[in-house]
Amino acid sequence: MDDRAIGMIGNSLHYATGLDTPDNKTFVDAFAKKYKRLPSWFAESAYTASLWSRTAIEAIKGNVEDKDAFLKAMRSATVKAPRGTLKMDEYDNPIQNVYVTRIQKINHPVIGPVLVNVPIKTYKNVSQFWTWTPEEFLKRGPYKR
């Protein structure tokens, strides 16, 4: 992106680098310090997956050989990630915020002037079923063109 993108809608995803929370600022600054660039949603997703695993491992006191206990811990964990709080639904998919973003230029303390996606609208606790109940959504059948 270059400055022509400033002010445009950036994307709609479960993560935005410009999310203004203490957890995200800590994550972004540590990432920028180490890699000399801002994290993408790929980086935050990998970080969150490892955070989720660590949360479950701590809950079962490291006994990962007990696969049933580990899966139960993964499924029941609530994770405080850079993107916000998330947990799994009964179908093992995340319930999480979704951010609609606008591209802004900021002066990051580590890497200087850079374009970032900054949330302008947050949809909280979005499941894979959006506004439908699982029953309503699933009875629609598979997606067809």
Protein backbone atom coordinates (compact mmCIF):
# COMPACT_ATOMS: atom_id res chain seq x y z
CA MET A 1 0.00 0.00 0.00
CA ASP A 2 1.04 3.58 -0.45
CA ASP A 3 -0.46 6.85 0.75
CA ARG A 4 -3.22 6.68 -1.88
CA ALA A 5 -4.87 4.03 0.31
CA ILE A 6 -5.21 6.33 3.34
CA GLY A 7 -8.86 6.69 4.29
CA MET A 8 -10.04 3.68 2.30
CA ILE A 9 -11.75 0.69 3.86
CA GLY A 10 -8.96 -1.82 4.49
CA ASN A 11 -10.63 -5.11 5.28
CA SER A 12 -13.00 -7.03 7.50
CA LEU A 13 -11.20 -9.63 9.60
CA HIS A 14 -10.84 -11.07 13.06
CA TYR A 15 -7.67 -9.02 13.61
CA ALA A 16 -6.46 -5.51 12.84
CA THR A 17 -2.94 -4.29 13.56
CA GLY A 18 -4.31 -0.90 14.57
CA LEU A 19 -6.61 -2.28 17.27
CA ASP A 20 -6.29 0.10 20.22
CA THR A 21 -6.02 -2.21 23.23
CA PRO A 22 -3.16 -2.77 25.70
CA ASP A 23 -2.80 -6.44 24.69
CA ASN A 24 -2.56 -5.61 21.00
CA LYS A 25 -0.16 -2.71 21.53
CA THR A 26 2.15 -5.00 23.53
CA PHE A 27 1.97 -7.65 20.78
CA VAL A 28 2.49 -5.18 17.91
CA ASP A 29 5.40 -3.40 19.60
CA ALA A 30 7.18 -6.67 20.49
CA PHE A 31 6.65 -7.98 16.94
CA ALA A 32 7.88 -4.73 15.38
CA LYS A 33 10.94 -4.65 17.62
CA LYS A 34 11.89 -8.20 16.68
CA TYR A 35 10.99 -8.26 12.97
CA LYS A 36 11.16 -4.55 11.99
CA ARG A 37 7.68 -4.67 10.49
CA LEU A 38 4.10 -4.81 11.72
CA PRO A 39 2.34 -8.13 12.27
CA SER A 40 -0.26 -9.37 9.82
CA TRP A 41 -3.34 -11.31 10.79
CA PHE A 42 -1.34 -14.44 9.94
CA ALA A 43 1.19 -13.59 12.66
CA GLU A 44 -1.50 -12.79 15.21
CA SER A 45 -3.37 -16.00 14.36
CA ALA A 46 -0.24 -18.11 14.89
CA TYR A 47 0.47 -16.32 18.15
CA THR A 48 -3.11 -16.81 19.32
CA ALA A 49 -3.06 -20.52 18.40
CA SER A 50 0.03 -21.00 20.56
CA LEU A 51 -1.52 -18.92 23.35
CA TRP A 52 -4.63 -21.09 23.18
CA SER A 53 -2.53 -24.26 23.36
CA ARG A 54 -0.53 -22.90 26.29
CA THR A 55 -3.74 -21.98 28.12
CA ALA A 56 -5.05 -25.54 27.70
CA ILE A 57 -1.72 -27.12 28.68
CA GLU A 58 -1.59 -25.02 31.84
CA ALA A 59 -5.18 -26.02 32.67
CA ILE A 60 -4.22 -29.71 32.60
CA LYS A 61 -0.91 -29.05 34.38
CA GLY A 62 1.15 -30.15 31.39
CA ASN A 63 -0.34 -33.64 31.09
CA VAL A 64 -0.72 -33.55 27.30
CA GLU A 65 -0.61 -37.34 27.15
CA ASP A 66 -4.20 -37.24 28.40
CA LYS A 67 -5.64 -36.35 25.00
CA ASP A 68 -9.25 -36.18 26.19
CA ALA A 69 -8.36 -33.75 28.96
CA PHE A 70 -6.30 -31.65 26.57
CA LEU A 71 -9.13 -31.43 24.01
CA LYS A 72 -11.62 -30.59 26.76
CA ALA A 73 -9.28 -27.84 27.99
CA MET A 74 -8.90 -26.46 24.44
CA ARG A 75 -12.65 -26.47 23.95
CA SER A 76 -13.43 -24.81 27.28
CA ALA A 77 -10.64 -22.20 27.28
CA THR A 78 -11.34 -18.52 27.01
CA VAL A 79 -8.32 -16.81 25.50
CA LYS A 80 -7.37 -13.15 25.90
CA ALA A 81 -5.54 -12.59 22.61
CA PRO A 82 -4.27 -9.44 20.87
CA ARG A 83 -7.47 -9.50 18.78
CA GLY A 84 -9.67 -9.69 21.89
CA THR A 85 -11.31 -12.44 23.89
CA LEU A 86 -12.27 -15.62 22.08
CA LYS A 87 -13.53 -19.11 22.79
CA MET A 88 -14.82 -22.09 20.84
CA ASP A 89 -18.41 -22.89 20.04
CA GLU A 90 -19.83 -26.39 20.37
CA TYR A 91 -18.63 -27.10 16.81
CA ASP A 92 -14.97 -26.22 17.64
CA ASN A 93 -14.99 -22.93 15.74
CA PRO A 94 -13.99 -19.62 17.33
CA ILE A 95 -16.39 -17.02 18.63
CA GLN A 96 -14.53 -13.75 18.23
CA ASN A 97 -14.79 -10.11 17.24
CA VAL A 98 -14.70 -9.07 13.60
CA TYR A 99 -13.26 -5.67 12.72
CA VAL A 100 -14.05 -3.49 9.72
CA THR A 101 -11.03 -1.24 9.19
CA ARG A 102 -9.93 1.97 7.55
CA ILE A 103 -6.36 2.54 6.42
CA GLN A 104 -4.52 5.20 8.41
CA LYS A 105 -0.95 6.38 8.57
CA ILE A 106 0.68 6.26 11.98
CA ASN A 107 4.14 6.97 13.28
CA HIS A 108 5.10 3.72 15.00
CA PRO A 109 7.78 4.17 17.68
CA VAL A 110 9.91 1.32 16.30
CA ILE A 111 9.48 1.42 12.53
CA GLY A 112 8.35 5.00 11.90
CA PRO A 113 5.61 6.09 9.47
CA VAL A 114 3.51 3.15 8.32
CA LEU A 115 0.01 2.42 7.01
CA VAL A 116 -2.19 0.30 9.26
CA ASN A 117 -5.70 -1.06 9.33
CA VAL A 118 -7.53 0.67 12.20
CA PRO A 119 -10.95 -0.63 13.29
CA ILE A 120 -13.89 1.66 12.60
CA LYS A 121 -16.60 -0.90 13.38
CA THR A 122 -16.51 -3.94 15.67
CA TYR A 123 -18.91 -6.85 15.52
CA LYS A 124 -18.57 -8.53 18.91
CA ASN A 125 -18.58 -12.26 19.60
CA VAL A 126 -19.25 -13.40 16.05
CA SER A 127 -19.76 -17.12 15.59
CA GLN A 128 -19.56 -19.08 12.37
CA PHE A 129 -23.35 -18.81 12.23
CA TRP A 130 -23.41 -14.98 12.42
CA THR A 131 -26.96 -13.99 13.38
CA TRP A 132 -28.58 -17.40 12.81
CA THR A 133 -28.92 -20.18 15.34
CA PRO A 134 -26.84 -23.25 14.46
CA GLU A 135 -30.04 -25.14 13.66
CA GLU A 136 -31.28 -22.44 11.27
CA PHE A 137 -27.94 -22.19 9.52
CA LEU A 138 -27.23 -25.91 9.22
CA LYS A 139 -30.67 -26.77 7.81
CA ARG A 140 -29.82 -24.58 4.79
CA GLY A 141 -27.43 -27.29 3.59
CA PRO A 142 -24.07 -26.97 1.88
CA TYR A 143 -23.14 -23.87 -0.09
CA LYS A 144 -24.03 -24.11 -3.78
CA ARG A 145 -23.41 -21.71 -6.61
